[in-house]
């Protein structure tokens, strides 16, 4: 099967969506399918092998200029190509880390408006490449925020267009009210142009159906999977009880909740030592948040048992996870993906997670997750304490979780489920 997979880049950030899309494309290629992974906005930033195409569509610089000025909506494509130079786009993404919410809202609306929006020239370039050089049997848009492209793609190529559902409501809720309402209206209208939808979880399929007005029968849940290369049998737990956090450093991920929980755990630990290790991408605008977290750690007196290691690549991530007794990212929002939990379980580390979002689904599917009340440091501390007091519980959940991830949440399993979904729309012979 020839597949054009159009994914959204996230600048310099290690993004769960980019990691998932890249792992899926690589697994589909390994299974013998012809996949062209086309990045939009910025080049994809993954901690695994990059299988994306060198071309960039809807490049961030071009999108910005065309949204702001009519002049750039009529510049020659050669000029646009120069502005899409990957090194230039990466540099721009690195130095321009703060985005005006008003501009972000208007850009999103333009993307969703497709051929009727200000970015129609960029859409034409994408459609031309699909039509003349790629000629796919099927087009997959990685996120519903790209659904504005579906109508023109179908009109020009006459192939099925499927759209991913990957937790976009979190982004939309962060837009100014007027832009959010406009984008939701456009999204609901343009959703009719897609042949079907693939959701990252059953939980999010229900959320998206209600939020975007999509018939639930049109949505197929394809759970995320991870590349298991490098994940070996779980090492023995460290001598010092070690809690780990691996996620983007921001309030939404709940690091401050975990700090409070670790402090409560240390109080009840009867002299037993407890450490907190933290890794993850830190945007410049979140440095004050991390400073607040560090200040709270110092106030509680365990700065010598707190370590922030920053951004980690794939090998460093696996080594980080192998240093842990238990894992927790107590998200304040309802996380629809839970990719970090799958990574922890693959390393043989059980997780304590809030009882919302995708986590109950992962608990049922893997047996490696202990659920606690959301945004409740005391209940989170009690959950962590169970692993301190009951070593056999850690062993049990570690074994169950690691086995389940290898059987059901590998990149190969994700690719197989995705192909099963694709074959509903394409006769693969």
Protein backbone atom coordinates (compact mmCIF):
# COMPACT_ATOMS: atom_id res chain seq x y z
CA UNK A 1 0.00 0.00 0.00
CA UNK A 2 1.25 3.51 -0.83
CA UNK A 3 0.55 5.81 2.09
CA UNK A 4 1.09 9.54 2.41
CA UNK A 5 1.28 10.33 6.12
CA UNK A 6 1.15 14.07 6.82
CA UNK A 7 2.40 14.92 10.30
CA UNK A 8 2.71 18.12 12.32
CA UNK A 9 6.14 19.10 13.64
CA UNK A 10 6.55 20.67 17.06
CA UNK A 11 9.76 22.67 16.73
CA UNK A 12 12.58 21.75 19.08
CA UNK A 13 10.37 19.88 21.52
CA UNK A 14 10.33 16.10 21.82
CA UNK A 15 6.63 15.71 21.15
CA UNK A 16 4.58 12.60 21.87
CA UNK A 17 2.68 13.06 18.61
CA UNK A 18 5.91 13.26 16.57
CA UNK A 19 7.38 10.23 18.34
CA UNK A 20 4.22 8.21 17.76
CA UNK A 21 3.86 9.25 14.10
CA UNK A 22 7.52 8.47 13.38
CA UNK A 23 7.36 5.08 15.10
CA UNK A 24 4.20 4.21 13.17
CA UNK A 25 5.67 5.23 9.81
CA UNK A 26 8.87 3.26 10.47
CA UNK A 27 6.89 0.16 11.45
CA UNK A 28 4.69 0.42 8.35
CA UNK A 29 7.80 0.71 6.17
CA UNK A 30 9.35 -2.31 7.91
CA UNK A 31 6.14 -4.23 7.14
CA UNK A 32 6.76 -3.65 3.43
CA UNK A 33 4.54 -0.65 2.71
CA UNK A 34 5.56 2.47 0.83
CA UNK A 35 5.13 5.31 3.30
CA UNK A 36 6.02 8.94 2.73
CA UNK A 37 6.06 10.79 6.04
CA UNK A 38 5.59 14.46 5.18
CA UNK A 39 6.30 17.03 7.93
CA UNK A 40 4.36 20.27 8.25
CA UNK A 41 5.16 23.49 10.17
CA UNK A 42 8.64 22.32 11.28
CA UNK A 43 10.76 19.21 10.70
CA UNK A 44 9.75 16.35 12.98
CA UNK A 45 11.76 16.02 16.20
CA UNK A 46 11.82 12.44 17.39
CA UNK A 47 14.14 10.55 19.71
CA UNK A 48 14.13 7.59 17.30
CA UNK A 49 15.24 7.06 13.69
CA UNK A 50 13.90 9.84 11.49
CA UNK A 51 12.09 8.41 8.46
CA UNK A 52 10.41 11.68 7.44
CA UNK A 53 10.70 13.23 3.97
CA UNK A 54 13.16 16.07 3.44
CA UNK A 55 10.40 18.29 2.05
CA UNK A 56 8.53 20.58 4.42
CA UNK A 57 4.97 21.78 3.80
CA UNK A 58 3.17 24.64 5.50
CA UNK A 59 6.61 25.70 6.76
CA UNK A 60 6.35 27.81 9.89
CA UNK A 61 7.97 30.91 8.40
CA UNK A 62 5.81 30.83 5.26
CA UNK A 63 2.66 30.21 7.28
CA UNK A 64 3.43 33.16 9.54
CA UNK A 65 4.17 35.55 6.68
CA UNK A 66 1.16 34.51 4.61
CA UNK A 67 -1.14 34.85 7.58
CA UNK A 68 0.16 38.34 8.37
CA UNK A 69 0.49 39.82 4.86
CA UNK A 70 -1.31 39.35 1.55
CA UNK A 71 1.97 40.04 -0.27
CA UNK A 72 3.40 36.68 0.76
CA UNK A 73 0.28 34.84 -0.43
CA UNK A 74 1.41 35.59 -3.98
CA UNK A 75 5.19 35.17 -3.85
CA UNK A 76 6.77 32.61 -6.24
CA UNK A 77 7.08 29.08 -4.92
CA UNK A 78 10.86 29.31 -5.24
CA UNK A 79 10.88 32.06 -2.59
CA UNK A 80 8.68 29.90 -0.37
CA UNK A 81 11.02 26.98 -0.84
CA UNK A 82 13.95 29.02 0.41
CA UNK A 83 11.95 30.02 3.47
CA UNK A 84 11.19 26.33 4.07
CA UNK A 85 14.89 25.46 4.36
CA UNK A 86 14.86 23.05 7.36
CA UNK A 87 17.85 24.65 9.13
CA UNK A 88 16.20 28.07 8.88
CA UNK A 89 12.88 26.76 10.18
CA UNK A 90 14.59 24.97 13.07
CA UNK A 91 16.48 28.15 13.95
CA UNK A 92 13.27 30.19 13.86
CA UNK A 93 11.49 27.65 16.07
CA UNK A 94 14.35 27.77 18.56
CA UNK A 95 14.58 31.55 18.88
CA UNK A 96 10.83 32.24 18.71
CA UNK A 97 9.43 30.13 21.54
CA UNK A 98 6.54 32.41 22.50
CA UNK A 99 3.54 32.56 20.20
CA UNK A 100 0.90 35.27 20.36
CA UNK A 101 -2.41 33.48 21.24
CA UNK A 102 -4.30 35.73 18.83
CA UNK A 103 -1.96 34.82 15.97
CA UNK A 104 -2.04 31.15 16.90
CA UNK A 105 -5.83 31.23 16.86
CA UNK A 106 -6.02 32.94 13.47
CA UNK A 107 -3.43 30.54 11.99
CA UNK A 108 -5.38 27.53 13.23
CA UNK A 109 -8.57 28.92 11.70
CA UNK A 110 -6.78 29.47 8.39
CA UNK A 111 -5.52 25.88 8.40
CA UNK A 112 -9.00 24.55 9.12
CA UNK A 113 -10.49 26.72 6.37
CA UNK A 114 -8.36 24.88 3.81
CA UNK A 115 -8.74 26.22 0.28
CA UNK A 116 -10.88 29.07 1.62
CA UNK A 117 -8.23 30.27 4.09
CA UNK A 118 -5.17 32.47 3.86
CA UNK A 119 -2.86 29.48 3.50
CA UNK A 120 -4.42 28.17 0.28
CA UNK A 121 -1.10 28.55 -1.58
CA UNK A 122 0.59 26.19 0.88
CA UNK A 123 -2.27 23.71 0.50
CA UNK A 124 -1.89 23.83 -3.28
CA UNK A 125 1.81 22.90 -2.95
CA UNK A 126 0.97 19.92 -0.75
CA UNK A 127 -1.74 18.69 -3.11
CA UNK A 128 0.55 19.11 -6.12
CA UNK A 129 3.24 16.95 -4.47
CA UNK A 130 0.72 14.29 -3.52
CA UNK A 131 -0.70 14.25 -7.03
CA UNK A 132 2.49 14.28 -9.11
CA UNK A 133 5.27 12.62 -7.13
CA UNK A 134 3.76 10.56 -4.32
CA UNK A 135 0.50 9.29 -5.85
CA UNK A 136 -0.70 7.48 -2.71
CA UNK A 137 -3.48 4.94 -2.33
CA UNK A 138 -4.47 6.63 0.92
CA UNK A 139 -3.67 9.88 2.75
CA UNK A 140 -3.48 10.07 6.53
CA UNK A 141 -3.55 13.46 8.25
CA UNK A 142 -1.97 12.93 11.65
CA UNK A 143 -4.21 15.39 13.51
CA UNK A 144 -7.70 16.76 13.11
CA UNK A 145 -6.15 20.26 13.11
CA UNK A 146 -5.08 19.44 9.53
CA UNK A 147 -8.57 18.35 8.44
CA UNK A 148 -8.96 21.54 6.39
CA UNK A 149 -6.75 19.91 3.75
CA UNK A 150 -9.03 16.89 3.29
CA UNK A 151 -11.53 18.43 0.86
CA UNK A 152 -8.93 19.60 -1.66
CA UNK A 153 -6.93 16.37 -1.42
CA UNK A 154 -10.00 14.27 -2.13
CA UNK A 155 -11.08 16.53 -4.99
CA UNK A 156 -7.67 16.33 -6.71
CA UNK A 157 -6.58 12.74 -5.90
CA UNK A 158 -9.84 10.83 -5.37
CA UNK A 159 -8.31 8.64 -2.64
CA UNK A 160 -9.47 7.99 0.94
CA UNK A 161 -8.39 10.59 3.49
CA UNK A 162 -8.23 9.52 7.13
CA UNK A 163 -7.64 11.88 10.03
CA UNK A 164 -5.96 11.29 13.38
CA UNK A 165 -7.45 12.31 16.72
CA UNK A 166 -4.56 12.95 19.12
CA UNK A 167 -5.76 15.13 22.00
CA UNK A 168 -6.32 18.38 20.09
CA UNK A 169 -8.97 19.67 22.49
CA UNK A 170 -6.18 20.61 24.92
CA UNK A 171 -4.64 22.90 22.31
CA UNK A 172 -8.01 24.35 21.24
CA UNK A 173 -8.98 25.14 24.83
CA UNK A 174 -5.86 27.29 25.11
CA UNK A 175 -6.95 29.61 22.30
CA UNK A 176 -8.76 32.92 22.94
CA UNK A 177 -12.52 32.35 23.20
CA UNK A 178 -13.46 33.87 19.84
CA UNK A 179 -10.80 31.90 17.96
CA UNK A 180 -11.65 28.69 19.79
CA UNK A 181 -15.32 28.96 18.85
CA UNK A 182 -14.41 29.75 15.24
CA UNK A 183 -12.00 26.81 15.05
CA UNK A 184 -14.49 24.38 16.57
CA UNK A 185 -17.13 25.45 14.08
CA UNK A 186 -14.72 25.02 11.16
CA UNK A 187 -13.49 21.70 12.50
CA UNK A 188 -17.02 20.31 12.83
CA UNK A 189 -17.84 21.45 9.29
CA UNK A 190 -14.62 20.10 7.73
CA UNK A 191 -14.85 16.78 9.57
CA UNK A 192 -17.47 15.78 7.01
CA UNK A 193 -14.74 15.83 4.32
CA UNK A 194 -12.79 12.97 5.91
CA UNK A 195 -13.55 9.33 5.13
CA UNK A 196 -12.83 8.28 8.69
CA UNK A 197 -10.89 8.97 11.87
CA UNK A 198 -8.24 7.09 13.85
CA UNK A 199 -8.09 7.89 17.56
CA UNK A 200 -5.11 7.27 19.85
CA UNK A 201 -7.38 5.72 22.50
CA UNK A 202 -10.94 4.61 23.12
CA UNK A 203 -11.15 7.34 25.74
CA UNK A 204 -10.30 10.07 23.26
CA UNK A 205 -12.58 8.62 20.58
CA UNK A 206 -15.51 9.32 22.91
CA UNK A 207 -14.24 12.80 23.76
CA UNK A 208 -13.66 13.75 20.12
CA UNK A 209 -17.01 12.41 18.94
CA UNK A 210 -18.81 14.61 21.46
CA UNK A 211 -16.57 17.66 21.18
CA UNK A 212 -16.33 17.83 17.38
CA UNK A 213 -19.71 16.43 16.43
CA UNK A 214 -18.26 13.32 14.74
CA UNK A 215 -20.35 10.16 14.53
CA UNK A 216 -18.67 7.69 16.91
CA UNK A 217 -19.10 4.96 14.30
CA UNK A 218 -16.69 6.85 12.02
CA UNK A 219 -13.86 6.65 14.60
CA UNK A 220 -11.53 3.66 14.94
CA UNK A 221 -9.43 3.47 18.10
CA UNK A 222 -5.80 2.54 17.38
CA UNK A 223 -3.85 2.67 20.67
CA UNK A 224 -0.35 4.09 20.64
CA UNK A 225 2.65 1.83 20.44
CA UNK A 226 6.37 2.34 21.00
CA UNK A 227 9.58 1.10 19.43
CA UNK A 228 10.84 -1.51 21.88
CA UNK A 229 14.42 -1.59 20.59
CA UNK A 230 16.81 -1.08 23.50
CA UNK A 231 14.28 -1.96 26.20
CA UNK A 232 15.69 -5.02 27.95
CA UNK A 233 14.57 -7.11 30.89
CA UNK A 234 13.93 -4.90 33.89
CA UNK A 235 16.97 -4.47 36.15
CA UNK A 236 16.55 -4.88 39.91
CA UNK A 237 15.01 -1.81 41.57
CA UNK A 238 17.53 0.69 42.97
CA UNK A 239 18.55 0.43 46.60
CA UNK A 240 17.13 3.89 47.30
CA UNK A 241 13.40 4.18 46.63
CA UNK A 242 13.28 6.38 43.51
CA UNK A 243 10.25 8.08 41.98
CA UNK A 244 10.60 9.23 38.37
CA UNK A 245 8.88 11.83 36.21
CA UNK A 246 9.46 12.02 32.43
CA UNK A 247 7.38 14.57 30.52
CA UNK A 248 7.37 18.13 29.29
CA UNK A 249 8.03 20.46 32.23
CA UNK A 250 4.82 22.49 32.60
CA UNK A 251 1.97 22.82 35.11
CA UNK A 252 -0.34 20.64 33.00
CA UNK A 253 1.88 17.60 33.54
CA UNK A 254 1.59 17.91 37.32
CA UNK A 255 5.20 17.94 38.52
CA UNK A 256 4.17 20.24 41.38
CA UNK A 257 1.60 17.64 42.48
CA UNK A 258 4.29 14.97 42.49
CA UNK A 259 6.63 17.12 44.60
CA UNK A 260 3.90 17.51 47.22
CA UNK A 261 3.24 13.77 47.15
CA UNK A 262 6.94 12.90 47.56
CA UNK A 263 7.16 15.25 50.53
CA UNK A 264 4.22 13.46 52.17
CA UNK A 265 5.81 10.10 51.36
CA UNK A 266 9.10 11.15 52.95
CA UNK A 267 7.29 12.19 56.13
CA UNK A 268 5.71 8.76 56.47
CA UNK A 269 8.73 6.75 55.34
CA UNK A 270 10.04 6.13 58.87
CA UNK A 271 13.59 7.11 58.05
CA UNK A 272 13.72 5.37 54.69
CA UNK A 273 15.27 7.49 51.96
CA UNK A 274 13.28 8.57 48.91
CA UNK A 275 14.50 10.35 45.76
CA UNK A 276 12.73 12.20 42.95
CA UNK A 277 14.29 12.16 39.46
CA UNK A 278 12.85 14.42 36.77
CA UNK A 279 13.50 14.52 33.02
CA UNK A 280 11.78 16.33 30.18
CA UNK A 281 11.85 19.19 27.75
CA UNK A 282 11.78 22.65 29.31
CA UNK A 283 10.53 25.56 27.23
CA UNK A 284 12.04 28.94 28.11
CA UNK A 285 8.65 30.26 29.19
CA UNK A 286 8.36 27.44 31.77
CA UNK A 287 11.64 28.18 33.56
CA UNK A 288 9.81 30.14 36.25
CA UNK A 289 7.61 27.10 36.86
CA UNK A 290 10.64 24.86 37.31
CA UNK A 291 12.18 27.46 39.64
CA UNK A 292 9.00 27.34 41.73
CA UNK A 293 9.22 23.55 41.87
CA UNK A 294 12.88 23.70 42.94
CA UNK A 295 12.04 26.28 45.60
CA UNK A 296 9.35 24.01 47.00
CA UNK A 297 11.79 21.07 47.04
CA UNK A 298 14.30 23.23 48.96
CA UNK A 299 11.59 24.35 51.37
CA UNK A 300 10.79 20.69 52.07
CA UNK A 301 14.49 19.95 52.55
CA UNK A 302 15.08 17.23 49.99
CA UNK A 303 17.06 19.15 47.36
CA UNK A 304 19.86 16.57 47.76
CA UNK A 305 17.41 13.85 46.76
CA UNK A 306 16.05 15.77 43.78
CA UNK A 307 17.63 15.65 40.33
CA UNK A 308 16.56 17.37 37.12
CA UNK A 309 18.34 15.91 34.10
CA UNK A 310 16.56 17.91 31.38
CA UNK A 311 15.88 16.69 27.86
CA UNK A 312 16.93 13.11 27.16
CA UNK A 313 17.51 11.32 23.87
CA UNK A 314 16.34 7.75 23.35
CA UNK A 315 19.31 5.98 24.96
CA UNK A 316 19.33 8.43 27.87
CA UNK A 317 15.59 7.96 28.32
CA UNK A 318 15.91 4.20 28.69
CA UNK A 319 18.80 4.58 31.16
CA UNK A 320 16.76 7.14 33.10
CA UNK A 321 13.79 4.79 33.39
CA UNK A 322 16.02 1.94 34.54
CA UNK A 323 17.08 4.05 37.55
CA UNK A 324 13.53 4.16 38.92
CA UNK A 325 11.48 2.20 41.42
CA UNK A 326 8.18 3.68 40.33
CA UNK A 327 7.01 6.17 37.70
CA UNK A 328 4.42 8.95 37.90
CA UNK A 329 3.30 11.85 35.72
CA UNK A 330 0.19 13.06 37.61
CA UNK A 331 -1.30 15.15 34.81
CA UNK A 332 -3.71 17.88 35.81
CA UNK A 333 -5.45 17.62 32.43
CA UNK A 334 -7.08 14.46 31.09
CA UNK A 335 -4.21 12.96 29.08
CA UNK A 336 -5.54 11.06 26.03
CA UNK A 337 -2.25 9.34 25.09
CA UNK A 338 -0.15 8.11 28.04
CA UNK A 339 2.90 7.37 25.89
CA UNK A 340 5.31 8.00 28.78
CA UNK A 341 3.56 5.30 30.83
CA UNK A 342 4.06 2.76 28.04
CA UNK A 343 7.76 3.67 27.98
CA UNK A 344 8.06 3.19 31.74
CA UNK A 345 6.29 -0.17 31.60
CA UNK A 346 8.54 -1.29 28.75
CA UNK A 347 11.48 -0.62 31.07
CA UNK A 348 9.83 -2.71 33.80
CA UNK A 349 8.80 0.27 35.94
CA UNK A 350 5.18 0.33 37.21
CA UNK A 351 3.29 3.62 37.28
CA UNK A 352 1.02 5.52 39.63
CA UNK A 353 -1.33 7.71 37.62
CA UNK A 354 -4.48 9.81 38.12
CA UNK A 355 -7.82 8.12 37.62
CA UNK A 356 -8.77 10.09 34.51
CA UNK A 357 -8.05 10.42 30.80
CA UNK A 358 -6.49 7.36 29.18
CA UNK A 359 -4.95 5.99 32.37
CA UNK A 360 -7.89 3.76 33.45
CA UNK A 361 -7.78 2.31 29.93
CA UNK A 362 -4.05 1.62 30.25
CA UNK A 363 -4.53 0.12 33.70
CA UNK A 364 -7.10 -2.35 32.31
CA UNK A 365 -4.99 -3.15 29.23
CA UNK A 366 -1.61 -3.59 30.94
CA UNK A 367 -2.10 -4.34 34.63
CA UNK A 368 0.99 -2.22 35.33
CA UNK A 369 -0.67 0.98 36.54
CA UNK A 370 -1.99 1.89 39.98
CA UNK A 371 -4.71 4.56 39.88
CA UNK A 372 -5.19 7.37 42.42
CA UNK A 373 -7.43 10.41 42.76
CA UNK A 374 -6.55 13.23 40.35
CA UNK A 375 -4.85 16.37 41.68
CA UNK A 376 -4.63 14.78 45.15
CA UNK A 377 -1.07 14.70 46.56
CA UNK A 378 -2.15 12.72 49.62
CA UNK A 379 -3.70 9.91 47.58
CA UNK A 380 -0.74 9.95 45.19
CA UNK A 381 1.61 9.64 48.19
CA UNK A 382 -0.43 6.69 49.44
CA UNK A 383 -0.12 5.02 46.04
CA UNK A 384 3.64 5.54 45.97
CA UNK A 385 3.90 4.26 49.54
CA UNK A 386 2.38 0.94 48.51
CA UNK A 387 5.41 0.29 46.31
CA UNK A 388 7.73 1.26 49.15
CA UNK A 389 5.96 -0.99 51.65
CA UNK A 390 5.08 -3.88 49.30
CA UNK A 391 8.06 -4.85 47.10
CA UNK A 392 6.07 -7.78 45.78
CA UNK A 393 3.51 -5.34 44.33
CA UNK A 394 6.22 -3.67 42.29
CA UNK A 395 7.36 -7.03 40.95
CA UNK A 396 3.80 -8.06 40.05
CA UNK A 397 2.91 -4.84 38.22
CA UNK A 398 6.33 -4.67 36.57
CA UNK A 399 5.92 -8.17 35.13
CA UNK A 400 2.34 -7.59 33.97
CA UNK A 401 3.03 -4.19 32.48
CA UNK A 402 6.20 -5.16 30.66
CA UNK A 403 4.58 -8.25 29.15
CA UNK A 404 1.45 -6.36 28.04
CA UNK A 405 3.45 -3.59 26.33
CA UNK A 406 5.49 -6.14 24.41
CA UNK A 407 2.38 -8.03 23.31
CA UNK A 408 -0.06 -5.21 22.60
CA UNK A 409 1.66 -1.80 22.57
CA UNK A 410 4.69 -2.23 20.34
CA UNK A 411 5.13 -0.11 17.21
CA UNK A 412 4.53 -3.28 15.18
CA UNK A 413 1.20 -3.88 16.95
CA UNK A 414 0.24 -0.25 16.30
CA UNK A 415 1.15 -0.63 12.62
CA UNK A 416 -0.91 -3.82 12.29
CA UNK A 417 -3.97 -2.18 13.85
CA UNK A 418 -3.49 0.87 11.63
CA UNK A 419 -3.27 -1.30 8.51
CA UNK A 420 -6.41 -3.14 9.54
CA UNK A 421 -8.12 0.25 9.69
CA UNK A 422 -6.69 1.36 6.34
CA UNK A 423 -7.93 -1.82 4.65
CA UNK A 424 -11.48 -0.80 5.40
CA UNK A 425 -10.95 1.94 2.82
CA UNK A 426 -8.34 0.50 0.44
CA UNK A 427 -8.21 -2.91 -1.22
CA UNK A 428 -4.62 -3.94 -0.53
CA UNK A 429 -4.79 -6.97 -2.75
